[in-house]
C-alpha atoms as a PDB file:
ATOM      1  CA  MET A   1    -132.698 -25.093 313.047  1.00  0.00           C
ATOM      2  CA  THR A   2    -130.810 -27.280 310.616  1.00  0.00           C
ATOM      3  CA  PHE A   3    -128.680 -25.980 307.784  1.00  0.00           C
ATOM      4  CA  THR A   4    -131.216 -27.146 305.140  1.00  0.00           C
ATOM      5  CA  LYS A   5    -134.108 -25.340 306.831  1.00  0.00           C
ATOM      6  CA  CYS A   6    -132.020 -22.216 307.181  1.00  0.00           C
ATOM      7  CA  VAL A   7    -131.146 -22.256 303.447  1.00  0.00           C
ATOM      8  CA  CYS A   8    -134.810 -22.871 302.531  1.00  0.00           C
ATOM      9  CA  VAL A   9    -135.995 -19.949 304.652  1.00  0.00           C
ATOM     10  CA  LEU A  10    -133.299 -17.707 303.167  1.00  0.00           C
ATOM     11  CA  LEU A  11    -134.252 -18.702 299.601  1.00  0.00           C
ATOM     12  CA  LEU A  12    -137.964 -18.171 300.283  1.00  0.00           C
ATOM     13  CA  ALA A  13    -137.236 -14.744 301.757  1.00  0.00           C
ATOM     14  CA  ALA A  14    -135.126 -13.786 298.726  1.00  0.00           C
ATOM     15  CA  LEU A  15    -137.842 -15.025 296.359  1.00  0.00           C
ATOM     16  CA  GLY A  16    -140.488 -13.084 298.284  1.00  0.00           C
ATOM     17  CA  VAL A  17    -138.447  -9.882 298.074  1.00  0.00           C
ATOM     18  CA  MET A  18    -138.003 -10.328 294.320  1.00  0.00           C
ATOM     19  CA  VAL A  19    -141.709 -10.959 293.764  1.00  0.00           C
ATOM     20  CA  VAL A  20    -142.835  -8.012 295.897  1.00  0.00           C
ATOM     21  CA  GLN A  21    -140.307  -5.581 294.424  1.00  0.00           C
ATOM     22  CA  PRO A  22    -141.895  -3.718 291.481  1.00  0.00           C
ATOM     23  CA  ALA A  23    -140.338  -4.121 288.074  1.00  0.00           C
ATOM     24  CA  ARG A  24    -138.363  -1.316 286.530  1.00  0.00           C
ATOM     25  CA  ALA A  25    -140.714   1.070 284.756  1.00  0.00           C
ATOM     26  CA  GLU A  26    -140.025   1.785 281.131  1.00  0.00           C
ATOM     27  CA  ALA A  27    -141.393   4.730 279.227  1.00  0.00           C
ATOM     28  CA  LEU A  28    -144.157   4.007 276.738  1.00  0.00           C
ATOM     29  CA  GLU A  29    -144.180   5.838 273.438  1.00  0.00           C
ATOM     30  CA  PRO A  30    -147.345   7.722 272.480  1.00  0.00           C
ATOM     31  CA  MET A  31    -147.700   5.617 269.324  1.00  0.00           C
ATOM     32  CA  PHE A  32    -147.632   2.401 271.359  1.00  0.00           C
ATOM     33  CA  ILE A  33    -150.234   3.778 273.784  1.00  0.00           C
ATOM     34  CA  SER A  34    -152.519   4.792 270.909  1.00  0.00           C
ATOM     35  CA  LEU A  35    -152.069   1.317 269.398  1.00  0.00           C
ATOM     36  CA  ILE A  36    -153.155  -0.312 272.659  1.00  0.00           C
ATOM     37  CA  VAL A  37    -156.163   2.028 272.994  1.00  0.00           C
ATOM     38  CA  GLY A  38    -157.140   1.462 269.351  1.00  0.00           C
ATOM     39  CA  GLY A  39    -156.975  -2.305 269.801  1.00  0.00           C
ATOM     40  CA  ALA A  40    -159.139  -2.078 272.907  1.00  0.00           C
ATOM     41  CA  VAL A  41    -161.707   0.021 271.028  1.00  0.00           C
ATOM     42  CA  VAL A  42    -161.799  -2.481 268.162  1.00  0.00           C
ATOM     43  CA  VAL A  43    -162.348  -5.360 270.597  1.00  0.00           C
ATOM     44  CA  LEU A  44    -165.139  -3.465 272.383  1.00  0.00           C
ATOM     45  CA  VAL A  45    -166.857  -2.634 269.090  1.00  0.00           C
ATOM     46  CA  LEU A  46    -166.702  -6.265 267.939  1.00  0.00           C
ATOM     47  CA  VAL A  47    -168.129  -7.481 271.244  1.00  0.00           C
ATOM     48  CA  ALA A  48    -170.938  -4.901 271.035  1.00  0.00           C
ATOM     49  CA  ILE A  49    -171.754  -5.943 267.448  1.00  0.00           C
ATOM     50  CA  LEU A  50    -171.884  -9.615 268.427  1.00  0.00           C
ATOM     51  CA  ILE A  51    -174.098  -8.914 271.436  1.00  0.00           C
ATOM     52  CA  ILE A  52    -176.500  -6.737 269.426  1.00  0.00           C
ATOM     53  CA  ALA A  53    -176.668  -9.297 266.601  1.00  0.00           C
ATOM     54  CA  ASN A  54    -177.328 -12.107 269.062  1.00  0.00           C
ATOM     55  CA  VAL A  55    -180.128 -10.189 270.822  1.00  0.00           C
ATOM     56  CA  THR A  56    -181.710  -9.185 267.507  1.00  0.00           C
ATOM     57  CA  GLU A  57    -181.560 -12.748 266.206  1.00  0.00           C
ATOM     58  CA  GLY A  58    -183.152 -14.041 269.408  1.00  0.00           C
ATOM     59  CA  ARG A  59    -186.017 -11.546 269.047  1.00  0.00           C
ATOM     60  CA  GLN A  60    -186.581 -12.618 265.441  1.00  0.00           C
ATOM     61  CA  ARG A  61    -186.731 -16.278 266.447  1.00  0.00           C
ATOM     62  CA  THR A  62    -189.291 -15.626 269.155  1.00  0.00           C
ATOM     63  CA  GLY A  63    -191.250 -13.430 266.744  1.00  0.00           C
ATOM     64  CA  GLN A  64    -191.420 -16.251 264.190  1.00  0.00           C
ATOM     65  CA  ALA A  65    -192.402 -18.837 266.792  1.00  0.00           C
ATOM     66  CA  VAL A  66    -195.534 -16.933 267.813  1.00  0.00           C
ATOM     67  CA  PRO A  67    -197.587 -16.126 264.688  1.00  0.00           C
ATOM     68  CA  GLY A  68    -199.848 -13.115 264.931  1.00  0.00           C
ATOM     69  CA  PRO A  69    -202.948 -12.212 262.909  1.00  0.00           C
ATOM     70  CA  VAL A  70    -202.285 -12.526 259.213  1.00  0.00           C
ATOM     71  CA  ALA A  71    -203.767 -10.131 256.695  1.00  0.00           C
ATOM     72  CA  PRO A  72    -205.621 -11.841 253.828  1.00  0.00           C
ATOM     73  CA  LEU A  73    -203.761 -12.009 250.533  1.00  0.00           C
ATOM     74  CA  VAL A  74    -205.727 -10.567 247.633  1.00  0.00           C
ATOM     75  CA  ALA A  75    -204.650 -11.326 244.091  1.00  0.00           C
ATOM     76  CA  LEU A  76    -206.084  -9.509 241.096  1.00  0.00           C
ATOM     77  CA  GLN A  77    -205.924 -10.965 237.626  1.00  0.00           C
ATOM     78  CA  THR A  78    -206.627  -8.818 234.649  1.00  0.00           C
ATOM     79  CA  PRO A  79    -208.001 -10.427 231.511  1.00  0.00           C
ATOM     80  CA  ALA A  80    -205.513 -10.942 228.740  1.00  0.00           C
ATOM     81  CA  THR A  81    -206.178  -8.902 225.639  1.00  0.00           C
ATOM     82  CA  GLU A  82    -205.106  -9.926 222.211  1.00  0.00           C
ATOM     83  CA  SER A  83    -202.946  -7.498 220.383  1.00  0.00           C
ATOM     84  CA  PRO A  84    -203.931  -6.666 216.749  1.00  0.00           C
END
């Protein structure tokens, strides 16, 4: 094995050890955790609202495309009376 190959293998091994080794864990504050959870809830609510609005709009479009039986429109007109 040449010197260059030996150095390459050594560097790849060192890089592999650094990638596999877990990072140092830091403590999370309760406020930061609640902020993350609150943000996730807001995102989920927005996605749910958009999905529901999209489904409702799609149903309205298909409802307008297929007209059903229409009830007759009846208009009544009362005679105008003259005031004294």
